[in-house]
Amino acid sequence: MKMDIQTVGFNAQAELTDFAKEKTEKLSHYFDQIVGAEIYLKQDNNDKQQTKVAEIKLNIPGNDLFAESRSHKFEIAINETTEKLKGQIRKLKTKYATR
């Protein structure tokens, strides 16, 4: 699976990008037709607190899946995003199974 990680507004440490890659790669265990993933990590400085945003787009032939989460830590946002994508993958697989 081809992965593209982009950080917006900050420079990510290797540990954070490795964590994001690892979590996203695990999604291929649930669905083997994932061609690639685009991961966007952003810092949103709205209000008085810094919010970390993780967006992941999975490239699948015929369909692209997208999820986004916000949290006070990138690791939590990445975990929540991958969990949302797991649910979308389950729905997509049941849709394929009914055909």
PDB file of N, CA and C in Angstrom:
ATOM      1  N   MET A   1       0.848  -1.173   0.000  1.00  0.00           N
ATOM      2  CA  MET A   1       0.000   0.000   0.000  1.00  0.00           C
ATOM      3  C   MET A   1       0.893   1.235   0.000  1.00  0.00           C
ATOM      4  N   LYS A   2       0.572   2.160  -0.886  1.00  0.00           N
ATOM      5  CA  LYS A   2       1.308   3.416  -0.980  1.00  0.00           C
ATOM      6  C   LYS A   2       0.747   4.396   0.048  1.00  0.00           C
ATOM      7  N   MET A   3       1.629   5.017   0.807  1.00  0.00           N
ATOM      8  CA  MET A   3       1.178   5.976   1.826  1.00  0.00           C
ATOM      9  C   MET A   3       1.817   7.333   1.604  1.00  0.00           C
ATOM     10  N   ASP A   4       1.002   8.346   1.842  1.00  0.00           N
ATOM     11  CA  ASP A   4       1.468   9.720   1.746  1.00  0.00           C
ATOM     12  C   ASP A   4       1.050  10.426   3.028  1.00  0.00           C
ATOM     13  N   ILE A   5       2.034  10.900   3.790  1.00  0.00           N
ATOM     14  CA  ILE A   5       1.741  11.606   5.044  1.00  0.00           C
ATOM     15  C   ILE A   5       2.126  13.065   4.875  1.00  0.00           C
ATOM     16  N   GLN A   6       1.175  13.941   5.216  1.00  0.00           N
ATOM     17  CA  GLN A   6       1.430  15.373   5.157  1.00  0.00           C
ATOM     18  C   GLN A   6       1.088  15.988   6.504  1.00  0.00           C
ATOM     19  N   THR A   7       1.961  16.848   6.966  1.00  0.00           N
ATOM     20  CA  THR A   7       1.703  17.572   8.202  1.00  0.00           C
ATOM     21  C   THR A   7       1.508  19.037   7.846  1.00  0.00           C
ATOM     22  N   VAL A   8       0.484  19.623   8.432  1.00  0.00           N
ATOM     23  CA  VAL A   8       0.136  21.002   8.123  1.00  0.00           C
ATOM     24  C   VAL A   8       0.336  21.847   9.382  1.00  0.00           C
ATOM     25  N   GLY A   9       1.217  22.829   9.305  1.00  0.00           N
ATOM     26  CA  GLY A   9       1.407  23.760  10.396  1.00  0.00           C
ATOM     27  C   GLY A   9       2.438  23.343  11.431  1.00  0.00           C
ATOM     28  N   PHE A  10       3.105  22.202  11.231  1.00  0.00           N
ATOM     29  CA  PHE A  10       4.136  21.771  12.173  1.00  0.00           C
ATOM     30  C   PHE A  10       4.996  20.702  11.503  1.00  0.00           C
ATOM     31  N   ASN A  11       6.118  20.396  12.123  1.00  0.00           N
ATOM     32  CA  ASN A  11       6.986  19.319  11.660  1.00  0.00           C
ATOM     33  C   ASN A  11       6.818  18.134  12.601  1.00  0.00           C
ATOM     34  N   ALA A  12       6.393  17.016  12.059  1.00  0.00           N
ATOM     35  CA  ALA A  12       6.125  15.832  12.879  1.00  0.00           C
ATOM     36  C   ALA A  12       7.415  15.067  13.153  1.00  0.00           C
ATOM     37  N   GLN A  13       7.472  14.491  14.343  1.00  0.00           N
ATOM     38  CA  GLN A  13       8.595  13.630  14.685  1.00  0.00           C
ATOM     39  C   GLN A  13       8.390  12.276  14.018  1.00  0.00           C
ATOM     40  N   ALA A  14       9.458  11.536  13.862  1.00  0.00           N
ATOM     41  CA  ALA A  14       9.413  10.235  13.200  1.00  0.00           C
ATOM     42  C   ALA A  14       8.493   9.268  13.937  1.00  0.00           C
ATOM     43  N   GLU A  15       8.434   9.363  15.271  1.00  0.00           N
ATOM     44  CA  GLU A  15       7.588   8.460  16.048  1.00  0.00           C
ATOM     45  C   GLU A  15       6.105   8.642  15.680  1.00  0.00           C
ATOM     46  N   LEU A  16       5.694   9.882  15.482  1.00  0.00           N
ATOM     47  CA  LEU A  16       4.301  10.162  15.150  1.00  0.00           C
ATOM     48  C   LEU A  16       3.960   9.649  13.753  1.00  0.00           C
ATOM     49  N   THR A  17       4.828   9.891  12.784  1.00  0.00           N
ATOM     50  CA  THR A  17       4.555   9.418  11.429  1.00  0.00           C
ATOM     51  C   THR A  17       4.601   7.893  11.370  1.00  0.00           C
ATOM     52  N   ASP A  18       5.500   7.275  12.109  1.00  0.00           N
ATOM     53  CA  ASP A  18       5.547   5.807  12.161  1.00  0.00           C
ATOM     54  C   ASP A  18       4.277   5.237  12.785  1.00  0.00           C
ATOM     55  N   PHE A  19       3.775   5.888  13.830  1.00  0.00           N
ATOM     56  CA  PHE A  19       2.537   5.461  14.480  1.00  0.00           C
ATOM     57  C   PHE A  19       1.368   5.540  13.498  1.00  0.00           C
ATOM     58  N   ALA A  20       1.290   6.640  12.757  1.00  0.00           N
ATOM     59  CA  ALA A  20       0.214   6.815  11.786  1.00  0.00           C
ATOM     60  C   ALA A  20       0.304   5.765  10.677  1.00  0.00           C
ATOM     61  N   LYS A  21       1.503   5.488  10.196  1.00  0.00           N
ATOM     62  CA  LYS A  21       1.689   4.466   9.159  1.00  0.00           C
ATOM     63  C   LYS A  21       1.276   3.091   9.672  1.00  0.00           C
ATOM     64  N   GLU A  22       1.708   2.769  10.879  1.00  0.00           N
ATOM     65  CA  GLU A  22       1.408   1.460  11.458  1.00  0.00           C
ATOM     66  C   GLU A  22      -0.094   1.243  11.605  1.00  0.00           C
ATOM     67  N   LYS A  23      -0.793   2.234  12.139  1.00  0.00           N
ATOM     68  CA  LYS A  23      -2.234   2.113  12.332  1.00  0.00           C
ATOM     69  C   LYS A  23      -2.967   2.009  10.992  1.00  0.00           C
ATOM     70  N   THR A  24      -2.520   2.752  10.004  1.00  0.00           N
ATOM     71  CA  THR A  24      -3.176   2.730   8.701  1.00  0.00           C
ATOM     72  C   THR A  24      -2.896   1.426   7.963  1.00  0.00           C
ATOM     73  N   GLU A  25      -1.690   0.909   8.085  1.00  0.00           N
ATOM     74  CA  GLU A  25      -1.349  -0.367   7.442  1.00  0.00           C
ATOM     75  C   GLU A  25      -2.199  -1.510   7.986  1.00  0.00           C
ATOM     76  N   LYS A  26      -2.574  -1.441   9.250  1.00  0.00           N
ATOM     77  CA  LYS A  26      -3.401  -2.498   9.845  1.00  0.00           C
ATOM     78  C   LYS A  26      -4.779  -2.571   9.192  1.00  0.00           C
ATOM     79  N   LEU A  27      -5.221  -1.498   8.569  1.00  0.00           N
ATOM     80  CA  LEU A  27      -6.522  -1.510   7.899  1.00  0.00           C
ATOM     81  C   LEU A  27      -6.524  -2.464   6.701  1.00  0.00           C
ATOM     82  N   SER A  28      -5.348  -2.734   6.143  1.00  0.00           N
ATOM     83  CA  SER A  28      -5.281  -3.658   5.006  1.00  0.00           C
ATOM     84  C   SER A  28      -5.580  -5.098   5.424  1.00  0.00           C
ATOM     85  N   HIS A  29      -5.518  -5.399   6.720  1.00  0.00           N
ATOM     86  CA  HIS A  29      -5.902  -6.724   7.216  1.00  0.00           C
ATOM     87  C   HIS A  29      -7.410  -6.923   7.102  1.00  0.00           C
ATOM     88  N   TYR A  30      -8.151  -5.821   7.137  1.00  0.00           N
ATOM     89  CA  TYR A  30      -9.608  -5.898   7.066  1.00  0.00           C
ATOM     90  C   TYR A  30     -10.126  -5.888   5.627  1.00  0.00           C
ATOM     91  N   PHE A  31      -9.346  -5.276   4.721  1.00  0.00           N
ATOM     92  CA  PHE A  31      -9.776  -5.171   3.329  1.00  0.00           C
ATOM     93  C   PHE A  31      -8.528  -5.145   2.461  1.00  0.00           C
ATOM     94  N   ASP A  32      -8.368  -6.139   1.607  1.00  0.00           N
ATOM     95  CA  ASP A  32      -7.122  -6.280   0.849  1.00  0.00           C
ATOM     96  C   ASP A  32      -7.073  -5.467  -0.444  1.00  0.00           C
ATOM     97  N   GLN A  33      -8.127  -4.754  -0.773  1.00  0.00           N
ATOM     98  CA  GLN A  33      -8.144  -3.975  -2.014  1.00  0.00           C
ATOM     99  C   GLN A  33      -7.741  -2.520  -1.817  1.00  0.00           C
ATOM    100  N   ILE A  34      -7.194  -2.181  -0.678  1.00  0.00           N
ATOM    101  CA  ILE A  34      -6.747  -0.805  -0.437  1.00  0.00           C
ATOM    102  C   ILE A  34      -5.465  -0.571  -1.225  1.00  0.00           C
ATOM    103  N   VAL A  35      -5.493   0.417  -2.115  1.00  0.00           N
ATOM    104  CA  VAL A  35      -4.353   0.708  -2.968  1.00  0.00           C
ATOM    105  C   VAL A  35      -3.385   1.659  -2.269  1.00  0.00           C
ATOM    106  N   GLY A  36      -3.927   2.666  -1.597  1.00  0.00           N
ATOM    107  CA  GLY A  36      -3.084   3.663  -0.972  1.00  0.00           C
ATOM    108  C   GLY A  36      -3.828   4.418   0.114  1.00  0.00           C
ATOM    109  N   ALA A  37      -3.073   5.222   0.834  1.00  0.00           N
ATOM    110  CA  ALA A  37      -3.667   6.023   1.903  1.00  0.00           C
ATOM    111  C   ALA A  37      -3.012   7.396   1.914  1.00  0.00           C
ATOM    112  N   GLU A  38      -3.827   8.399   2.165  1.00  0.00           N
ATOM    113  CA  GLU A  38      -3.351   9.769   2.324  1.00  0.00           C
ATOM    114  C   GLU A  38      -3.673  10.190   3.750  1.00  0.00           C
ATOM    115  N   ILE A  39      -2.640  10.529   4.501  1.00  0.00           N
ATOM    116  CA  ILE A  39      -2.799  10.886   5.909  1.00  0.00           C
ATOM    117  C   ILE A  39      -2.434  12.359   6.070  1.00  0.00           C
ATOM    118  N   TYR A  40      -3.350  13.103   6.660  1.00  0.00           N
ATOM    119  CA  TYR A  40      -3.117  14.525   6.917  1.00  0.00           C
ATOM    120  C   TYR A  40      -3.187  14.750   8.422  1.00  0.00           C
ATOM    121  N   LEU A  41      -2.132  15.305   8.979  1.00  0.00           N
ATOM    122  CA  LEU A  41      -2.093  15.655  10.394  1.00  0.00           C
ATOM    123  C   LEU A  41      -2.004  17.172  10.478  1.00  0.00           C
ATOM    124  N   LYS A  42      -2.949  17.769  11.201  1.00  0.00           N
ATOM    125  CA  LYS A  42      -3.032  19.232  11.266  1.00  0.00           C
ATOM    126  C   LYS A  42      -3.154  19.694  12.708  1.00  0.00           C
ATOM    127  N   GLN A  43      -2.674  20.896  12.958  1.00  0.00           N
ATOM    128  CA  GLN A  43      -2.917  21.563  14.228  1.00  0.00           C
ATOM    129  C   GLN A  43      -3.907  22.676  13.966  1.00  0.00           C
ATOM    130  N   ASP A  44      -5.010  22.645  14.691  1.00  0.00           N
ATOM    131  CA  ASP A  44      -6.056  23.644  14.531  1.00  0.00           C
ATOM    132  C   ASP A  44      -6.034  24.518  15.780  1.00  0.00           C
ATOM    133  N   ASN A  45      -5.637  25.763  15.636  1.00  0.00           N
ATOM    134  CA  ASN A  45      -5.479  26.655  16.775  1.00  0.00           C
ATOM    135  C   ASN A  45      -6.708  27.532  16.993  1.00  0.00           C
ATOM    136  N   ASN A  46      -7.889  26.922  16.924  1.00  0.00           N
ATOM    137  CA  ASN A  46      -9.118  27.658  17.206  1.00  0.00           C
ATOM    138  C   ASN A  46      -9.339  27.728  18.711  1.00  0.00           C
ATOM    139  N   ASP A  47     -10.109  28.674  19.124  1.00  0.00           N
ATOM    140  CA  ASP A  47     -10.445  28.882  20.528  1.00  0.00           C
ATOM    141  C   ASP A  47      -9.168  29.074  21.354  1.00  0.00           C
ATOM    142  N   LYS A  48      -9.187  28.589  22.580  1.00  0.00           N
ATOM    143  CA  LYS A  48      -8.035  28.769  23.462  1.00  0.00           C
ATOM    144  C   LYS A  48      -7.169  27.530  23.552  1.00  0.00           C
ATOM    145  N   GLN A  49      -7.670  26.427  23.029  1.00  0.00           N
ATOM    146  CA  GLN A  49      -6.893  25.191  23.112  1.00  0.00           C
ATOM    147  C   GLN A  49      -6.463  24.734  21.725  1.00  0.00           C
ATOM    148  N   GLN A  50      -5.323  24.069  21.680  1.00  0.00           N
ATOM    149  CA  GLN A  50      -4.866  23.525  20.413  1.00  0.00           C
ATOM    150  C   GLN A  50      -5.561  22.192  20.175  1.00  0.00           C
ATOM    151  N   THR A  51      -6.088  22.027  19.006  1.00  0.00           N
ATOM    152  CA  THR A  51      -6.763  20.796  18.649  1.00  0.00           C
ATOM    153  C   THR A  51      -5.957  20.108  17.570  1.00  0.00           C
ATOM    154  N   LYS A  52      -5.739  18.828  17.737  1.00  0.00           N
ATOM    155  CA  LYS A  52      -5.021  18.024  16.760  1.00  0.00           C
ATOM    156  C   LYS A  52      -6.038  17.327  15.870  1.00  0.00           C
ATOM    157  N   VAL A  53      -5.831  17.390  14.577  1.00  0.00           N
ATOM    158  CA  VAL A  53      -6.758  16.815  13.607  1.00  0.00           C
ATOM    159  C   VAL A  53      -6.027  15.744  12.805  1.00  0.00           C
ATOM    160  N   ALA A  54      -6.645  14.576  12.694  1.00  0.00           N
ATOM    161  CA  ALA A  54      -6.121  13.500  11.855  1.00  0.00           C
ATOM    162  C   ALA A  54      -7.160  13.167  10.802  1.00  0.00           C
ATOM    163  N   GLU A  55      -6.756  13.237   9.538  1.00  0.00           N
ATOM    164  CA  GLU A  55      -7.633  12.890   8.423  1.00  0.00           C
ATOM    165  C   GLU A  55      -6.954  11.781   7.633  1.00  0.00           C
ATOM    166  N   ILE A  56      -7.715  10.740   7.306  1.00  0.00           N
ATOM    167  CA  ILE A  56      -7.168   9.637   6.515  1.00  0.00           C
ATOM    168  C   ILE A  56      -8.128   9.353   5.373  1.00  0.00           C
ATOM    169  N   LYS A  57      -7.576   9.278   4.179  1.00  0.00           N
ATOM    170  CA  LYS A  57      -8.345   8.928   2.987  1.00  0.00           C
ATOM    171  C   LYS A  57      -7.751   7.637   2.441  1.00  0.00           C
ATOM    172  N   LEU A  58      -8.587   6.607   2.327  1.00  0.00           N
ATOM    173  CA  LEU A  58      -8.150   5.326   1.777  1.00  0.00           C
ATOM    174  C   LEU A  58      -8.555   5.264   0.307  1.00  0.00           C
ATOM    175  N   ASN A  59      -7.600   4.958  -0.542  1.00  0.00           N
ATOM    176  CA  ASN A  59      -7.862   4.827  -1.974  1.00  0.00           C
ATOM    177  C   ASN A  59      -8.194   3.378  -2.290  1.00  0.00           C
ATOM    178  N   ILE A  60      -9.437   3.158  -2.706  1.00  0.00           N
ATOM    179  CA  ILE A  60      -9.932   1.830  -3.054  1.00  0.00           C
ATOM    180  C   ILE A  60     -10.530   1.947  -4.451  1.00  0.00           C
ATOM    181  N   PRO A  61     -10.240   0.990  -5.352  1.00  0.00           N
ATOM    182  CA  PRO A  61     -10.816   1.079  -6.690  1.00  0.00           C
ATOM    183  C   PRO A  61     -12.343   1.182  -6.644  1.00  0.00           C
ATOM    184  N   GLY A  62     -12.856   2.222  -7.258  1.00  0.00           N
ATOM    185  CA  GLY A  62     -14.296   2.441  -7.291  1.00  0.00           C
ATOM    186  C   GLY A  62     -14.818   3.277  -6.147  1.00  0.00           C
ATOM    187  N   ASN A  63     -14.140   3.262  -5.030  1.00  0.00           N
ATOM    188  CA  ASN A  63     -14.577   4.008  -3.844  1.00  0.00           C
ATOM    189  C   ASN A  63     -13.361   4.561  -3.112  1.00  0.00           C
ATOM    190  N   ASP A  64     -13.526   5.706  -2.499  1.00  0.00           N
ATOM    191  CA  ASP A  64     -12.536   6.234  -1.570  1.00  0.00           C
ATOM    192  C   ASP A  64     -13.234   6.400  -0.236  1.00  0.00           C
ATOM    193  N   LEU A  65     -12.578   5.981   0.819  1.00  0.00           N
ATOM    194  CA  LEU A  65     -13.133   6.136   2.163  1.00  0.00           C
ATOM    195  C   LEU A  65     -12.377   7.256   2.866  1.00  0.00           C
ATOM    196  N   PHE A  66     -13.105   8.038   3.650  1.00  0.00           N
ATOM    197  CA  PHE A  66     -12.508   9.180   4.334  1.00  0.00           C
ATOM    198  C   PHE A  66     -13.051   9.266   5.754  1.00  0.00           C
ATOM    199  N   ALA A  67     -12.159   9.578   6.678  1.00  0.00           N
ATOM    200  CA  ALA A  67     -12.567   9.812   8.061  1.00  0.00           C
ATOM    201  C   ALA A  67     -11.668  10.880   8.675  1.00  0.00           C
ATOM    202  N   GLU A  68     -12.226  11.557   9.680  1.00  0.00           N
ATOM    203  CA  GLU A  68     -11.515  12.645  10.350  1.00  0.00           C
ATOM    204  C   GLU A  68     -11.873  12.628  11.824  1.00  0.00           C
ATOM    205  N   SER A  69     -10.883  12.919  12.675  1.00  0.00           N
ATOM    206  CA  SER A  69     -11.122  13.023  14.116  1.00  0.00           C
ATOM    207  C   SER A  69     -10.294  14.155  14.692  1.00  0.00           C
ATOM    208  N   ARG A  70     -10.801  14.696  15.791  1.00  0.00           N
ATOM    209  CA  ARG A  70     -10.119  15.769  16.506  1.00  0.00           C
ATOM    210  C   ARG A  70      -9.928  15.346  17.957  1.00  0.00           C
ATOM    211  N   SER A  71      -8.784  15.703  18.514  1.00  0.00           N
ATOM    212  CA  SER A  71      -8.505  15.399  19.908  1.00  0.00           C
ATOM    213  C   SER A  71      -7.403  16.334  20.398  1.00  0.00           C
ATOM    214  N   HIS A  72      -7.056  16.185  21.665  1.00  0.00           N
ATOM    215  CA  HIS A  72      -5.969  17.001  22.215  1.00  0.00           C
ATOM    216  C   HIS A  72      -4.604  16.364  21.949  1.00  0.00           C
ATOM    217  N   LYS A  73      -4.595  15.102  21.477  1.00  0.00           N
ATOM    218  CA  LYS A  73      -3.348  14.410  21.125  1.00  0.00           C
ATOM    219  C   LYS A  73      -3.518  13.751  19.755  1.00  0.00           C
ATOM    220  N   PHE A  74      -2.448  13.751  18.979  1.00  0.00           N
ATOM    221  CA  PHE A  74      -2.503  13.146  17.654  1.00  0.00           C
ATOM    222  C   PHE A  74      -2.765  11.646  17.721  1.00  0.00           C
ATOM    223  N   GLU A  75      -2.177  10.971  18.686  1.00  0.00           N
ATOM    224  CA  GLU A  75      -2.334   9.521  18.787  1.00  0.00           C
ATOM    225  C   GLU A  75      -3.800   9.134  18.983  1.00  0.00           C
ATOM    226  N   ILE A  76      -4.497   9.874  19.821  1.00  0.00           N
ATOM    227  CA  ILE A  76      -5.922   9.598  20.057  1.00  0.00           C
ATOM    228  C   ILE A  76      -6.724   9.873  18.789  1.00  0.00           C
ATOM    229  N   ALA A  77      -6.425  10.975  18.110  1.00  0.00           N
ATOM    230  CA  ALA A  77      -7.137  11.321  16.883  1.00  0.00           C
ATOM    231  C   ALA A  77      -6.902  10.267  15.798  1.00  0.00           C
ATOM    232  N   ILE A  78      -5.681   9.761  15.692  1.00  0.00           N
ATOM    233  CA  ILE A  78      -5.376   8.726  14.698  1.00  0.00           C
ATOM    234  C   ILE A  78      -6.132   7.443  15.025  1.00  0.00           C
ATOM    235  N   ASN A  79      -6.155   7.047  16.306  1.00  0.00           N
ATOM    236  CA  ASN A  79      -6.893   5.845  16.712  1.00  0.00           C
ATOM    237  C   ASN A  79      -8.380   5.970  16.380  1.00  0.00           C
ATOM    238  N   GLU A  80      -8.973   7.114  16.698  1.00  0.00           N
ATOM    239  CA  GLU A  80     -10.394   7.324  16.424  1.00  0.00           C
ATOM    240  C   GLU A  80     -10.681   7.292  14.924  1.00  0.00           C
ATOM    241  N   THR A  81      -9.785   7.871  14.141  1.00  0.00           N
ATOM    242  CA  THR A  81      -9.968   7.896  12.689  1.00  0.00           C
ATOM    243  C   THR A  81      -9.901   6.491  12.108  1.00  0.00           C
ATOM    244  N   THR A  82      -8.946   5.696  12.547  1.00  0.00           N
ATOM    245  CA  THR A  82      -8.834   4.333  12.015  1.00  0.00           C
ATOM    246  C   THR A  82     -10.028   3.484  12.441  1.00  0.00           C
ATOM    247  N   GLU A  83     -10.566   3.724  13.632  1.00  0.00           N
ATOM    248  CA  GLU A  83     -11.757   2.987  14.058  1.00  0.00           C
ATOM    249  C   GLU A  83     -12.961   3.349  13.176  1.00  0.00           C
ATOM    250  N   LYS A  84     -13.091   4.619  12.824  1.00  0.00           N
ATOM    251  CA  LYS A  84     -14.173   5.035  11.921  1.00  0.00           C
ATOM    252  C   LYS A  84     -14.021   4.362  10.560  1.00  0.00           C
ATOM    253  N   LEU A  85     -12.783   4.266  10.083  1.00  0.00           N
ATOM    254  CA  LEU A  85     -12.543   3.637   8.793  1.00  0.00           C
ATOM    255  C   LEU A  85     -12.830   2.140   8.844  1.00  0.00           C
ATOM    256  N   LYS A  86     -12.557   1.492   9.968  1.00  0.00           N
ATOM    257  CA  LYS A  86     -12.889   0.070  10.102  1.00  0.00           C
ATOM    258  C   LYS A  86     -14.388  -0.143   9.923  1.00  0.00           C
ATOM    259  N   GLY A  87     -15.191   0.738  10.507  1.00  0.00           N
ATOM    260  CA  GLY A  87     -16.636   0.652  10.355  1.00  0.00           C
ATOM    261  C   GLY A  87     -17.062   0.850   8.907  1.00  0.00           C
ATOM    262  N   GLN A  88     -16.433   1.799   8.227  1.00  0.00           N
ATOM    263  CA  GLN A  88     -16.757   2.036   6.824  1.00  0.00           C
ATOM    264  C   GLN A  88     -16.356   0.840   5.966  1.00  0.00           C
ATOM    265  N   ILE A  89     -15.231   0.209   6.302  1.00  0.00           N
ATOM    266  CA  ILE A  89     -14.788  -0.976   5.563  1.00  0.00           C
ATOM    267  C   ILE A  89     -15.780  -2.115   5.759  1.00  0.00           C
ATOM    268  N   ARG A  90     -16.272  -2.293   6.987  1.00  0.00           N
ATOM    269  CA  ARG A  90     -17.270  -3.343   7.246  1.00  0.00           C
ATOM    270  C   ARG A  90     -18.526  -3.126   6.395  1.00  0.00           C
ATOM    271  N   LYS A  91     -18.979  -1.881   6.337  1.00  0.00           N
ATOM    272  CA  LYS A  91     -20.159  -1.563   5.518  1.00  0.00           C
ATOM    273  C   LYS A  91     -19.899  -1.848   4.046  1.00  0.00           C
ATOM    274  N   LEU A  92     -18.717  -1.474   3.580  1.00  0.00           N
ATOM    275  CA  LEU A  92     -18.370  -1.683   2.184  1.00  0.00           C
ATOM    276  C   LEU A  92     -18.290  -3.176   1.851  1.00  0.00           C
ATOM    277  N   LYS A  93     -17.736  -3.957   2.756  1.00  0.00           N
ATOM    278  CA  LYS A  93     -17.629  -5.400   2.522  1.00  0.00           C
ATOM    279  C   LYS A  93     -19.010  -6.061   2.506  1.00  0.00           C
ATOM    280  N   THR A  94     -19.921  -5.633   3.359  1.00  0.00           N
ATOM    281  CA  THR A  94     -21.269  -6.201   3.322  1.00  0.00           C
ATOM    282  C   THR A  94     -22.005  -5.791   2.045  1.00  0.00           C
ATOM    283  N   LYS A  95     -21.703  -4.592   1.565  1.00  0.00           N
ATOM    284  CA  LYS A  95     -22.295  -4.141   0.312  1.00  0.00           C
ATOM    285  C   LYS A  95     -21.791  -5.009  -0.852  1.00  0.00           C
ATOM    286  N   TYR A  96     -20.491  -5.324  -0.851  1.00  0.00           N
ATOM    287  CA  TYR A  96     -19.921  -6.200  -1.876  1.00  0.00           C
ATOM    288  C   TYR A  96     -20.473  -7.614  -1.761  1.00  0.00           C
ATOM    289  N   ALA A  97     -20.709  -8.079  -0.550  1.00  0.00           N
ATOM    290  CA  ALA A  97     -21.189  -9.443  -0.325  1.00  0.00           C
ATOM    291  C   ALA A  97     -22.617  -9.631  -0.832  1.00  0.00           C
ATOM    292  N   THR A  98     -23.419  -8.569  -0.819  1.00  0.00           N
ATOM    293  CA  THR A  98     -24.801  -8.689  -1.263  1.00  0.00           C
ATOM    294  C   THR A  98     -24.922  -8.686  -2.785  1.00  0.00           C
ATOM    295  N   ARG A  99     -23.864  -8.307  -3.473  1.00  0.00           N
ATOM    296  CA  ARG A  99     -23.911  -8.257  -4.939  1.00  0.00           C
ATOM    297  C   ARG A  99     -23.719  -9.596  -5.554  1.00  0.00           C
TER     298      ARG A  99
END
